[in-house]
Structures are given as structure tokens and as C-alpha cells.
C-alpha atoms as a PDB file:
ATOM      1  CA  UNK A   1      -0.232  -0.086  -0.208  1.00  0.00           C
ATOM      2  CA  UNK A   2       2.842   2.364   0.708  1.00  0.00           C
ATOM      3  CA  UNK A   3       4.045   1.531  -2.539  1.00  0.00           C
ATOM      4  CA  UNK A   4       0.898   2.129  -4.235  1.00  0.00           C
ATOM      5  CA  UNK A   5       0.502   5.749  -2.521  1.00  0.00           C
ATOM      6  CA  UNK A   6       4.163   6.222  -3.318  1.00  0.00           C
ATOM      7  CA  UNK A   7       3.593   5.562  -7.389  1.00  0.00           C
ATOM      8  CA  UNK A   8       0.350   7.723  -7.284  1.00  0.00           C
ATOM      9  CA  UNK A   9       2.152  10.355  -5.826  1.00  0.00           C
ATOM     10  CA  UNK A  10       4.843  10.108  -8.137  1.00  0.00           C
ATOM     11  CA  UNK A  11       2.185  10.244 -11.213  1.00  0.00           C
ATOM     12  CA  UNK A  12       0.752  13.135  -9.566  1.00  0.00           C
ATOM     13  CA  UNK A  13       3.908  14.925  -9.567  1.00  0.00           C
ATOM     14  CA  UNK A  14       4.818  13.797 -12.947  1.00  0.00           C
ATOM     15  CA  UNK A  15       1.219  14.929 -14.076  1.00  0.00           C
ATOM     16  CA  UNK A  16       2.023  18.333 -12.416  1.00  0.00           C
ATOM     17  CA  UNK A  17       5.277  18.725 -14.192  1.00  0.00           C
ATOM     18  CA  UNK A  18       3.613  17.808 -17.716  1.00  0.00           C
ATOM     19  CA  UNK A  19       1.035  20.231 -17.055  1.00  0.00           C
ATOM     20  CA  UNK A  20       3.483  22.943 -16.203  1.00  0.00           C
ATOM     21  CA  UNK A  21       5.774  22.651 -19.047  1.00  0.00           C
ATOM     22  CA  UNK A  22       2.469  22.701 -21.431  1.00  0.00           C
ATOM     23  CA  UNK A  23       1.599  26.329 -19.936  1.00  0.00           C
ATOM     24  CA  UNK A  24       5.263  27.283 -20.396  1.00  0.00           C
ATOM     25  CA  UNK A  25       4.928  26.044 -24.126  1.00  0.00           C
ATOM     26  CA  UNK A  26       1.734  28.179 -24.185  1.00  0.00           C
ATOM     27  CA  UNK A  27       3.211  31.147 -22.564  1.00  0.00           C
ATOM     28  CA  UNK A  28       6.312  31.200 -25.014  1.00  0.00           C
ATOM     29  CA  UNK A  29       3.958  31.203 -28.098  1.00  0.00           C
ATOM     30  CA  UNK A  30       2.364  34.214 -26.925  1.00  0.00           C
ATOM     31  CA  UNK A  31       5.427  35.805 -25.623  1.00  0.00           C
ATOM     32  CA  UNK A  32       6.395  37.476 -28.731  1.00  0.00           C
ATOM     33  CA  UNK A  33       2.812  39.458 -28.826  1.00  0.00           C
ATOM     34  CA  UNK A  34       3.489  40.835 -25.570  1.00  0.00           C
ATOM     35  CA  UNK A  35       7.098  41.988 -26.389  1.00  0.00           C
ATOM     36  CA  UNK A  36       5.669  43.490 -29.399  1.00  0.00           C
ATOM     37  CA  UNK A  37       2.669  45.532 -27.604  1.00  0.00           C
ATOM     38  CA  UNK A  38       5.400  46.981 -24.770  1.00  0.00           C
ATOM     39  CA  UNK A  39       8.168  47.561 -27.677  1.00  0.00           C
ATOM     40  CA  UNK A  40       6.565  51.023 -28.344  1.00  0.00           C
ATOM     41  CA  UNK A  41       8.753  54.168 -27.080  1.00  0.00           C
ATOM     42  CA  UNK A  42       7.677  55.547 -23.692  1.00  0.00           C
ATOM     43  CA  UNK A  43       8.913  58.148 -21.326  1.00  0.00           C
ATOM     44  CA  UNK A  44       9.451  57.588 -17.505  1.00  0.00           C
ATOM     45  CA  UNK A  45       9.598  60.365 -15.325  1.00  0.00           C
ATOM     46  CA  UNK A  46      11.884  60.332 -12.281  1.00  0.00           C
ATOM     47  CA  UNK A  47      11.340  62.440  -9.373  1.00  0.00           C
ATOM     48  CA  UNK A  48      13.735  65.573  -9.664  1.00  0.00           C
ATOM     49  CA  UNK A  49      16.904  65.029  -8.160  1.00  0.00           C
ATOM     50  CA  UNK A  50      17.719  67.124  -4.842  1.00  0.00           C
ATOM     51  CA  UNK A  51      21.201  68.263  -3.856  1.00  0.00           C
ATOM     52  CA  UNK A  52      22.121  69.457  -0.476  1.00  0.00           C
ATOM     53  CA  UNK A  53      25.541  71.251   0.318  1.00  0.00           C
ATOM     54  CA  UNK A  54      26.817  70.583   3.474  1.00  0.00           C
ATOM     55  CA  UNK A  55      29.804  72.705   4.993  1.00  0.00           C
ATOM     56  CA  UNK A  56      31.608  71.948   7.913  1.00  0.00           C
ATOM     57  CA  UNK A  57      31.711  74.673  10.796  1.00  0.00           C
ATOM     58  CA  UNK A  58      35.661  74.658  10.160  1.00  0.00           C
ATOM     59  CA  UNK A  59      35.280  75.658   6.736  1.00  0.00           C
ATOM     60  CA  UNK A  60      32.766  78.453   7.388  1.00  0.00           C
ATOM     61  CA  UNK A  61      34.996  79.678  10.185  1.00  0.00           C
ATOM     62  CA  UNK A  62      37.849  79.644   8.168  1.00  0.00           C
ATOM     63  CA  UNK A  63      35.921  81.774   5.597  1.00  0.00           C
ATOM     64  CA  UNK A  64      35.319  83.987   7.826  1.00  0.00           C
ATOM     65  CA  UNK A  65      38.453  84.396   9.213  1.00  0.00           C
ATOM     66  CA  UNK A  66      39.819  85.112   5.784  1.00  0.00           C
ATOM     67  CA  UNK A  67      37.191  87.786   5.020  1.00  0.00           C
ATOM     68  CA  UNK A  68      38.906  91.428   5.005  1.00  0.00           C
ATOM     69  CA  UNK A  69      36.351  94.016   4.084  1.00  0.00           C
ATOM     70  CA  UNK A  70      38.738  96.998   4.415  1.00  0.00           C
ATOM     71  CA  UNK A  71      42.457  97.550   4.084  1.00  0.00           C
ATOM     72  CA  UNK A  72      43.820 100.500   4.293  1.00  0.00           C
ATOM     73  CA  UNK A  73      47.590 101.463   3.467  1.00  0.00           C
ATOM     74  CA  UNK A  74      49.078 104.629   5.004  1.00  0.00           C
ATOM     75  CA  UNK A  75      52.527 106.254   4.720  1.00  0.00           C
ATOM     76  CA  UNK A  76      54.042 108.566   7.147  1.00  0.00           C
ATOM     77  CA  UNK A  77      57.424 110.772   7.191  1.00  0.00           C
ATOM     78  CA  UNK A  78      59.389 110.697  10.202  1.00  0.00           C
ATOM     79  CA  UNK A  79      57.893 113.979  11.688  1.00  0.00           C
ATOM     80  CA  UNK A  80      54.345 112.776  11.248  1.00  0.00           C
ATOM     81  CA  UNK A  81      54.702 109.640  13.186  1.00  0.00           C
ATOM     82  CA  UNK A  82      53.038 110.159  16.640  1.00  0.00           C
ATOM     83  CA  UNK A  83      54.008 108.587  20.217  1.00  0.00           C
ATOM     84  CA  UNK A  84      50.450 106.584  19.726  1.00  0.00           C
ATOM     85  CA  UNK A  85      51.147 104.939  16.350  1.00  0.00           C
ATOM     86  CA  UNK A  86      54.672 103.894  18.078  1.00  0.00           C
ATOM     87  CA  UNK A  87      52.706 102.445  21.047  1.00  0.00           C
ATOM     88  CA  UNK A  88      50.766 100.362  18.621  1.00  0.00           C
ATOM     89  CA  UNK A  89      53.562  99.436  16.363  1.00  0.00           C
ATOM     90  CA  UNK A  90      55.381  98.092  19.672  1.00  0.00           C
ATOM     91  CA  UNK A  91      52.595  96.186  20.541  1.00  0.00           C
ATOM     92  CA  UNK A  92      52.165  94.705  17.000  1.00  0.00           C
ATOM     93  CA  UNK A  93      55.532  93.651  17.266  1.00  0.00           C
ATOM     94  CA  UNK A  94      56.094  92.265  20.825  1.00  0.00           C
ATOM     95  CA  UNK A  95      52.782  89.977  20.048  1.00  0.00           C
ATOM     96  CA  UNK A  96      53.947  88.705  16.851  1.00  0.00           C
ATOM     97  CA  UNK A  97      57.449  89.094  15.797  1.00  0.00           C
ATOM     98  CA  UNK A  98      59.101  86.117  17.360  1.00  0.00           C
ATOM     99  CA  UNK A  99      60.191  84.044  20.378  1.00  0.00           C
ATOM    100  CA  UNK A 100      63.699  83.857  21.771  1.00  0.00           C
ATOM    101  CA  UNK A 101      65.631  80.450  20.696  1.00  0.00           C
ATOM    102  CA  UNK A 102      67.737  78.088  22.761  1.00  0.00           C
ATOM    103  CA  UNK A 103      70.813  79.943  22.589  1.00  0.00           C
ATOM    104  CA  UNK A 104      68.984  82.842  24.622  1.00  0.00           C
ATOM    105  CA  UNK A 105      68.845  83.225  28.392  1.00  0.00           C
ATOM    106  CA  UNK A 106      64.924  83.911  27.466  1.00  0.00           C
ATOM    107  CA  UNK A 107      64.403  80.723  25.492  1.00  0.00           C
ATOM    108  CA  UNK A 108      60.604  80.797  24.515  1.00  0.00           C
ATOM    109  CA  UNK A 109      59.625  84.084  25.698  1.00  0.00           C
ATOM    110  CA  UNK A 110      58.310  86.777  23.138  1.00  0.00           C
ATOM    111  CA  UNK A 111      61.018  89.142  21.920  1.00  0.00           C
ATOM    112  CA  UNK A 112      59.418  92.416  23.369  1.00  0.00           C
ATOM    113  CA  UNK A 113      60.456  95.992  21.856  1.00  0.00           C
ATOM    114  CA  UNK A 114      59.349  99.156  23.684  1.00  0.00           C
ATOM    115  CA  UNK A 115      57.560 102.054  21.972  1.00  0.00           C
ATOM    116  CA  UNK A 116      60.395 104.646  23.554  1.00  0.00           C
ATOM    117  CA  UNK A 117      63.188 102.363  21.891  1.00  0.00           C
ATOM    118  CA  UNK A 118      61.140 102.412  18.480  1.00  0.00           C
ATOM    119  CA  UNK A 119      61.803 105.982  17.600  1.00  0.00           C
ATOM    120  CA  UNK A 120      65.610 106.470  18.192  1.00  0.00           C
ATOM    121  CA  UNK A 121      66.484 103.089  16.485  1.00  0.00           C
ATOM    122  CA  UNK A 122      63.831 103.129  13.572  1.00  0.00           C
ATOM    123  CA  UNK A 123      63.414 106.825  12.969  1.00  0.00           C
ATOM    124  CA  UNK A 124      66.865 108.597  13.759  1.00  0.00           C
ATOM    125  CA  UNK A 125      66.823 112.307  13.464  1.00  0.00           C
ATOM    126  CA  UNK A 126      69.591 112.349  11.333  1.00  0.00           C
ATOM    127  CA  UNK A 127      67.855 110.684   8.361  1.00  0.00           C
ATOM    128  CA  UNK A 128      64.908 110.551   6.138  1.00  0.00           C
ATOM    129  CA  UNK A 129      62.797 107.663   7.914  1.00  0.00           C
ATOM    130  CA  UNK A 130      59.106 106.809   7.339  1.00  0.00           C
ATOM    131  CA  UNK A 131      56.742 104.439   8.533  1.00  0.00           C
ATOM    132  CA  UNK A 132      53.889 102.434   6.551  1.00  0.00           C
ATOM    133  CA  UNK A 133      50.973 100.543   8.240  1.00  0.00           C
ATOM    134  CA  UNK A 134      48.043  98.579   7.166  1.00  0.00           C
ATOM    135  CA  UNK A 135      44.693  98.630   9.113  1.00  0.00           C
ATOM    136  CA  UNK A 136      42.033  95.707   8.343  1.00  0.00           C
ATOM    137  CA  UNK A 137      38.625  96.528   9.143  1.00  0.00           C
ATOM    138  CA  UNK A 138      40.140  99.399  11.313  1.00  0.00           C
ATOM    139  CA  UNK A 139      42.287  97.161  13.055  1.00  0.00           C
ATOM    140  CA  UNK A 140      46.225  97.446  12.422  1.00  0.00           C
ATOM    141  CA  UNK A 141      47.373  94.200  10.822  1.00  0.00           C
ATOM    142  CA  UNK A 142      50.749  95.168   9.850  1.00  0.00           C
ATOM    143  CA  UNK A 143      53.635  97.889   9.481  1.00  0.00           C
ATOM    144  CA  UNK A 144      57.198  98.600   8.267  1.00  0.00           C
ATOM    145  CA  UNK A 145      59.958 100.927   8.967  1.00  0.00           C
ATOM    146  CA  UNK A 146      62.460 102.368   6.361  1.00  0.00           C
ATOM    147  CA  UNK A 147      65.084 104.562   6.317  1.00  0.00           C
ATOM    148  CA  UNK A 148      66.818 106.531   3.159  1.00  0.00           C
ATOM    149  CA  UNK A 149      70.320 107.892   2.774  1.00  0.00           C
ATOM    150  CA  UNK A 150      72.434 108.723  -0.168  1.00  0.00           C
ATOM    151  CA  UNK A 151      75.339 106.576  -1.617  1.00  0.00           C
ATOM    152  CA  UNK A 152      77.503 107.551  -4.628  1.00  0.00           C
ATOM    153  CA  UNK A 153      74.812 109.495  -5.905  1.00  0.00           C
ATOM    154  CA  UNK A 154      72.133 107.039  -5.665  1.00  0.00           C
ATOM    155  CA  UNK A 155      69.082 106.684  -2.733  1.00  0.00           C
ATOM    156  CA  UNK A 156      69.259 103.482  -0.914  1.00  0.00           C
ATOM    157  CA  UNK A 157      66.099 102.698   0.961  1.00  0.00           C
ATOM    158  CA  UNK A 158      66.506 100.079   3.468  1.00  0.00           C
ATOM    159  CA  UNK A 159      63.279  98.268   5.187  1.00  0.00           C
ATOM    160  CA  UNK A 160      64.592  98.103   8.961  1.00  0.00           C
ATOM    161  CA  UNK A 161      61.392  96.614  10.330  1.00  0.00           C
ATOM    162  CA  UNK A 162      58.534  94.628   8.541  1.00  0.00           C
ATOM    163  CA  UNK A 163      55.833  92.911  10.812  1.00  0.00           C
ATOM    164  CA  UNK A 164      52.632  91.583   9.975  1.00  0.00           C
ATOM    165  CA  UNK A 165      50.301  89.933  12.651  1.00  0.00           C
ATOM    166  CA  UNK A 166      49.966  86.144  12.691  1.00  0.00           C
ATOM    167  CA  UNK A 167      46.214  86.042  12.140  1.00  0.00           C
ATOM    168  CA  UNK A 168      46.704  88.243   8.972  1.00  0.00           C
ATOM    169  CA  UNK A 169      49.658  86.482   7.083  1.00  0.00           C
ATOM    170  CA  UNK A 170      49.810  84.763   3.973  1.00  0.00           C
ATOM    171  CA  UNK A 171      47.429  87.327   2.317  1.00  0.00           C
ATOM    172  CA  UNK A 172      49.714  89.676   0.651  1.00  0.00           C
ATOM    173  CA  UNK A 173      50.023  92.421   3.135  1.00  0.00           C
ATOM    174  CA  UNK A 174      53.849  92.352   3.685  1.00  0.00           C
ATOM    175  CA  UNK A 175      53.980  92.930  -0.120  1.00  0.00           C
ATOM    176  CA  UNK A 176      51.419  95.545  -0.035  1.00  0.00           C
ATOM    177  CA  UNK A 177      53.376  97.316   2.750  1.00  0.00           C
ATOM    178  CA  UNK A 178      56.731  97.366   0.854  1.00  0.00           C
ATOM    179  CA  UNK A 179      54.903  98.340  -2.333  1.00  0.00           C
ATOM    180  CA  UNK A 180      53.445 101.365  -0.523  1.00  0.00           C
ATOM    181  CA  UNK A 181      57.261 102.330   0.643  1.00  0.00           C
ATOM    182  CA  UNK A 182      58.231 102.485  -3.027  1.00  0.00           C
ATOM    183  CA  UNK A 183      59.308 105.593  -4.192  1.00  0.00           C
ATOM    184  CA  UNK A 184      60.424 106.857  -7.712  1.00  0.00           C
ATOM    185  CA  UNK A 185      63.686 108.275  -6.501  1.00  0.00           C
ATOM    186  CA  UNK A 186      64.958 104.983  -4.795  1.00  0.00           C
ATOM    187  CA  UNK A 187      67.856 103.201  -6.533  1.00  0.00           C
ATOM    188  CA  UNK A 188      68.578 100.480  -4.178  1.00  0.00           C
ATOM    189  CA  UNK A 189      66.598  98.319  -1.675  1.00  0.00           C
ATOM    190  CA  UNK A 190      67.940  96.485   1.084  1.00  0.00           C
ATOM    191  CA  UNK A 191      66.670  94.444   3.969  1.00  0.00           C
ATOM    192  CA  UNK A 192      68.040  91.961   6.790  1.00  0.00           C
ATOM    193  CA  UNK A 193      65.713  89.491   8.055  1.00  0.00           C
ATOM    194  CA  UNK A 194      65.504  85.843   9.769  1.00  0.00           C
ATOM    195  CA  UNK A 195      62.041  85.219   8.001  1.00  0.00           C
ATOM    196  CA  UNK A 196      62.179  83.809   4.179  1.00  0.00           C
ATOM    197  CA  UNK A 197      58.928  85.211   3.706  1.00  0.00           C
ATOM    198  CA  UNK A 198      60.132  89.046   4.187  1.00  0.00           C
ATOM    199  CA  UNK A 199      62.953  88.424   1.857  1.00  0.00           C
ATOM    200  CA  UNK A 200      60.262  86.879  -0.724  1.00  0.00           C
ATOM    201  CA  UNK A 201      58.086  89.961  -0.190  1.00  0.00           C
ATOM    202  CA  UNK A 202      60.920  92.222  -0.801  1.00  0.00           C
ATOM    203  CA  UNK A 203      62.400  90.667  -3.984  1.00  0.00           C
ATOM    204  CA  UNK A 204      58.930  90.533  -5.500  1.00  0.00           C
ATOM    205  CA  UNK A 205      58.022  94.261  -4.623  1.00  0.00           C
ATOM    206  CA  UNK A 206      61.465  95.904  -5.199  1.00  0.00           C
ATOM    207  CA  UNK A 207      63.179  93.303  -7.800  1.00  0.00           C
ATOM    208  CA  UNK A 208      60.562  91.714  -9.514  1.00  0.00           C
ATOM    209  CA  UNK A 209      60.779  88.240  -7.780  1.00  0.00           C
ATOM    210  CA  UNK A 210      63.573  86.438  -5.588  1.00  0.00           C
ATOM    211  CA  UNK A 211      64.871  84.169  -8.280  1.00  0.00           C
ATOM    212  CA  UNK A 212      66.015  87.654 -10.086  1.00  0.00           C
ATOM    213  CA  UNK A 213      68.515  88.716  -7.179  1.00  0.00           C
ATOM    214  CA  UNK A 214      71.734  89.367  -7.948  1.00  0.00           C
ATOM    215  CA  UNK A 215      74.571  87.639  -5.827  1.00  0.00           C
ATOM    216  CA  UNK A 216      77.249  89.668  -7.516  1.00  0.00           C
ATOM    217  CA  UNK A 217      75.564  92.936  -7.019  1.00  0.00           C
ATOM    218  CA  UNK A 218      75.394  92.014  -2.977  1.00  0.00           C
ATOM    219  CA  UNK A 219      78.980  91.260  -2.997  1.00  0.00           C
ATOM    220  CA  UNK A 220      80.165  94.141  -4.563  1.00  0.00           C
ATOM    221  CA  UNK A 221      78.140  96.819  -2.717  1.00  0.00           C
ATOM    222  CA  UNK A 222      77.129  95.710   0.401  1.00  0.00           C
ATOM    223  CA  UNK A 223      80.065  96.790   2.493  1.00  0.00           C
ATOM    224  CA  UNK A 224      80.078 100.393   1.232  1.00  0.00           C
ATOM    225  CA  UNK A 225      76.060 100.654   1.218  1.00  0.00           C
ATOM    226  CA  UNK A 226      75.971  99.629   5.053  1.00  0.00           C
ATOM    227  CA  UNK A 227      78.549 101.750   6.182  1.00  0.00           C
ATOM    228  CA  UNK A 228      76.628 104.633   4.881  1.00  0.00           C
ATOM    229  CA  UNK A 229      73.778 103.959   6.929  1.00  0.00           C
ATOM    230  CA  UNK A 230      72.681 106.163   9.546  1.00  0.00           C
ATOM    231  CA  UNK A 231      70.889 103.051  11.369  1.00  0.00           C
ATOM    232  CA  UNK A 232      73.729 101.741  13.979  1.00  0.00           C
ATOM    233  CA  UNK A 233      72.600  98.400  13.485  1.00  0.00           C
ATOM    234  CA  UNK A 234      72.708  98.136   9.639  1.00  0.00           C
ATOM    235  CA  UNK A 235      76.058 100.164   9.569  1.00  0.00           C
ATOM    236  CA  UNK A 236      77.938  97.721  12.165  1.00  0.00           C
ATOM    237  CA  UNK A 237      76.406  94.503  10.907  1.00  0.00           C
ATOM    238  CA  UNK A 238      79.053  91.725  10.456  1.00  0.00           C
ATOM    239  CA  UNK A 239      78.627  90.111   6.987  1.00  0.00           C
ATOM    240  CA  UNK A 240      78.362  86.554   6.868  1.00  0.00           C
ATOM    241  CA  UNK A 241      77.937  83.746   4.263  1.00  0.00           C
ATOM    242  CA  UNK A 242      80.102  82.289   1.400  1.00  0.00           C
ATOM    243  CA  UNK A 243      79.330  85.461  -0.622  1.00  0.00           C
ATOM    244  CA  UNK A 244      81.970  87.309   1.750  1.00  0.00           C
ATOM    245  CA  UNK A 245      83.714  84.571   2.652  1.00  0.00           C
ATOM    246  CA  UNK A 246      84.976  81.502   0.892  1.00  0.00           C
ATOM    247  CA  UNK A 247      85.748  79.420   3.626  1.00  0.00           C
ATOM    248  CA  UNK A 248      82.413  79.859   5.294  1.00  0.00           C
ATOM    249  CA  UNK A 249      80.656  76.412   6.045  1.00  0.00           C
ATOM    250  CA  UNK A 250      77.768  77.163   7.505  1.00  0.00           C
ATOM    251  CA  UNK A 251      75.740  76.900   4.465  1.00  0.00           C
ATOM    252  CA  UNK A 252      74.575  80.695   4.573  1.00  0.00           C
ATOM    253  CA  UNK A 253      75.542  82.631   1.234  1.00  0.00           C
ATOM    254  CA  UNK A 254      74.289  85.845   2.074  1.00  0.00           C
ATOM    255  CA  UNK A 255      73.619  87.083   5.330  1.00  0.00           C
ATOM    256  CA  UNK A 256      74.723  88.807   8.868  1.00  0.00           C
ATOM    257  CA  UNK A 257      75.629  87.906  12.003  1.00  0.00           C
ATOM    258  CA  UNK A 258      73.646  89.695  14.302  1.00  0.00           C
ATOM    259  CA  UNK A 259      73.687  87.194  17.549  1.00  0.00           C
ATOM    260  CA  UNK A 260      69.930  87.672  17.202  1.00  0.00           C
ATOM    261  CA  UNK A 261      69.007  84.353  18.900  1.00  0.00           C
ATOM    262  CA  UNK A 262      65.552  84.089  18.134  1.00  0.00           C
ATOM    263  CA  UNK A 263      63.513  80.728  17.475  1.00  0.00           C
ATOM    264  CA  UNK A 264      64.027  79.596  13.827  1.00  0.00           C
ATOM    265  CA  UNK A 265      61.617  76.949  13.587  1.00  0.00           C
ATOM    266  CA  UNK A 266      58.543  79.117  11.794  1.00  0.00           C
ATOM    267  CA  UNK A 267      61.464  80.314   9.453  1.00  0.00           C
ATOM    268  CA  UNK A 268      62.832  77.216   8.797  1.00  0.00           C
ATOM    269  CA  UNK A 269      59.651  75.763   7.766  1.00  0.00           C
ATOM    270  CA  UNK A 270      58.668  78.747   5.750  1.00  0.00           C
ATOM    271  CA  UNK A 271      62.234  77.948   4.002  1.00  0.00           C
ATOM    272  CA  UNK A 272      61.341  74.394   3.003  1.00  0.00           C
ATOM    273  CA  UNK A 273      58.136  75.672   1.525  1.00  0.00           C
ATOM    274  CA  UNK A 274      59.588  78.476  -0.514  1.00  0.00           C
ATOM    275  CA  UNK A 275      62.282  76.231  -1.793  1.00  0.00           C
ATOM    276  CA  UNK A 276      59.689  74.018  -3.140  1.00  0.00           C
ATOM    277  CA  UNK A 277      58.059  77.093  -5.389  1.00  0.00           C
ATOM    278  CA  UNK A 278      61.507  79.146  -5.835  1.00  0.00           C
ATOM    279  CA  UNK A 279      64.883  78.832  -6.743  1.00  0.00           C
ATOM    280  CA  UNK A 280      66.415  80.298  -3.065  1.00  0.00           C
ATOM    281  CA  UNK A 281      69.959  81.633  -3.568  1.00  0.00           C
ATOM    282  CA  UNK A 282      70.647  82.998   0.157  1.00  0.00           C
ATOM    283  CA  UNK A 283      71.552  79.424   1.548  1.00  0.00           C
ATOM    284  CA  UNK A 284      70.646  78.079   4.993  1.00  0.00           C
ATOM    285  CA  UNK A 285      69.796  79.983   8.163  1.00  0.00           C
ATOM    286  CA  UNK A 286      72.610  79.635  11.135  1.00  0.00           C
ATOM    287  CA  UNK A 287      71.541  80.333  14.511  1.00  0.00           C
ATOM    288  CA  UNK A 288      71.918  84.186  15.463  1.00  0.00           C
ATOM    289  CA  UNK A 289      71.689  85.222  11.692  1.00  0.00           C
ATOM    290  CA  UNK A 290      69.943  86.921   9.503  1.00  0.00           C
ATOM    291  CA  UNK A 291      69.668  86.946   5.590  1.00  0.00           C
ATOM    292  CA  UNK A 292      70.905  89.961   3.572  1.00  0.00           C
ATOM    293  CA  UNK A 293      69.122  90.858   0.554  1.00  0.00           C
ATOM    294  CA  UNK A 294      70.507  94.311  -1.502  1.00  0.00           C
ATOM    295  CA  UNK A 295      68.930  94.710  -5.073  1.00  0.00           C
ATOM    296  CA  UNK A 296      68.833  97.260  -7.783  1.00  0.00           C
ATOM    297  CA  UNK A 297      65.256  98.966  -7.907  1.00  0.00           C
ATOM    298  CA  UNK A 298      62.981  97.517 -10.709  1.00  0.00           C
ATOM    299  CA  UNK A 299      61.761 100.675 -12.825  1.00  0.00           C
ATOM    300  CA  UNK A 300      57.996 101.079 -13.045  1.00  0.00           C
ATOM    301  CA  UNK A 301      56.782 101.323 -16.489  1.00  0.00           C
ATOM    302  CA  UNK A 302      55.177 104.721 -17.232  1.00  0.00           C
ATOM    303  CA  UNK A 303      51.806 104.737 -18.203  1.00  0.00           C
ATOM    304  CA  UNK A 304      50.869 107.094 -21.477  1.00  0.00           C
ATOM    305  CA  UNK A 305      48.109 109.576 -19.700  1.00  0.00           C
END
């Protein structure tokens, strides 16, 4: 009985398969007609896509910090500089210039400059000195001091200080300050600085590019130009580098030994980035030294009236 039930069950299953195959055959015969009826062109409308833009709070804050609504450059001759201007200039310097390095007894502390020292050091009475500042939205963002003196029938313009507030750097303010100092009577420009960015800005503002600087010009004229300066720290600077001493092994090419031992971490980081983009010819930066840059003025092209 079990066998009969099993056989019956088998036949039932076989019958179902036969019936199913017949059904498939029937469907296959009618399939072309169905495909033909659906082959007509038709358009399907999809929901309109929506695009959402997400900006992180960091990006928004960064954008706000870079926004500078108003920049104002002002140039003052020595007699026009007030004590209040010098007070703000001293604050800018002391808060942004540099910190003392490991070879200083004040390592890690900020380099401080008082307002009372600014006038005799940077605006001496026996010179034609000037001061330029840039304010951003009414706040002092950077400034520079310069001094002019005659040399062999030419006019020397020497940048004695250049400071830009940390929050305003990498925005072209240094170049703008130096550009504001330029005068048509200037024949030669000079600067001593431990920061490659200052040299880069000077090269771009006065000589066209840091890559166009003539080392031969510096080697031939540095001594006599600097000895004629009314600024004591320029006049008494000790020239250093392979440009002035072929036995110099420090890696410095053109510089001065100021024994001003500020921390060089930031300048060296900047130097690494500068070398990726430009041909840097002033060499390495030993402790207690500054770069020396002297260049003939790039004449401005006159424009027709």
C-alpha cells in the first residue's frame, strides 16, 4: 500500500510537471505578441533630484577669518609719526615678531620692543625715515619702517622692520606694505631678516622676484652701502656667508651675524616651502644670523596719460 501510494504520488507529480511544461509552451507562443505590444517608445518621469550642500563649521569659520572687508595703507614721514602710532607698532611687534631660541637666556619668551626704543632706532633724526601701516577693518594688521640715505649719487631705501600680525599672514599684506614704501627716487633696496617670507616679499616688491636677485651685486656693494647707513645696527652689521668668505661652511650664502638668537622653527618651515616653489639663492640660516638682501630697484613702467 505504501508502494501504491508512492506510485500515485509520483504520477501526480509527473502530471503536474507535464501540465506546467504545457503551460510554459503556451506562454512562449504568446510571448512575442506581448513583447511587440510593449516595444512602443515610452517616457518614464523620475522624481527631480535634490542636491544638498554641507559645509563644516571649520570651513565656515575659516572663510570668515579670511574675509577682509577693508584694507587701508598709510605712509608717514618721520615727523608725522606720533607716540600713539609707535605704541601700537611696539604692541604689534611684541605680540607677533618672534620668540627667543635655545641659545638665549630668555628661551621661549616673546621678543619685546618698547615704544620708547622705536623712535631712536628706526626713526633717527639724522635720516629720512618713514613708517607705513596697514589696517584691516580698522585694526592694525601690519607695519614697516624704512630709512633712506645717499650713496654714490644714488638713493638707498632700507627696510628696517617688517611685521604682519599672525592672523593676517599669507594674504599679501607684507608685499603691500613694501609696495607702499616704494618711491621713484629709490635706486637700491635692502633688508636684513631671519624670515624667508620677508625676503620673498622684498624680492617681489622691489626686484621683480627672489629668483632675479644678483648675488654679484650684493657681494660688490654691501660693505660700502651699509657703512653709509645712519641706522647703527645696519652700519655695524657683520657680513657672513660664502658670498663674503669663501671658507664659510655654515651653508649661508648672504647674511649677517646679528647674534639675535630668536627661534628659527617657523622661518625654517617657511624656507622649506619656499624652496619647493622658487630657486632660493641665499642659503641656509644658522642660529643668530639673518639673511641679507640688496637689490637694484625695478623701474616702474610709465603709463601714457
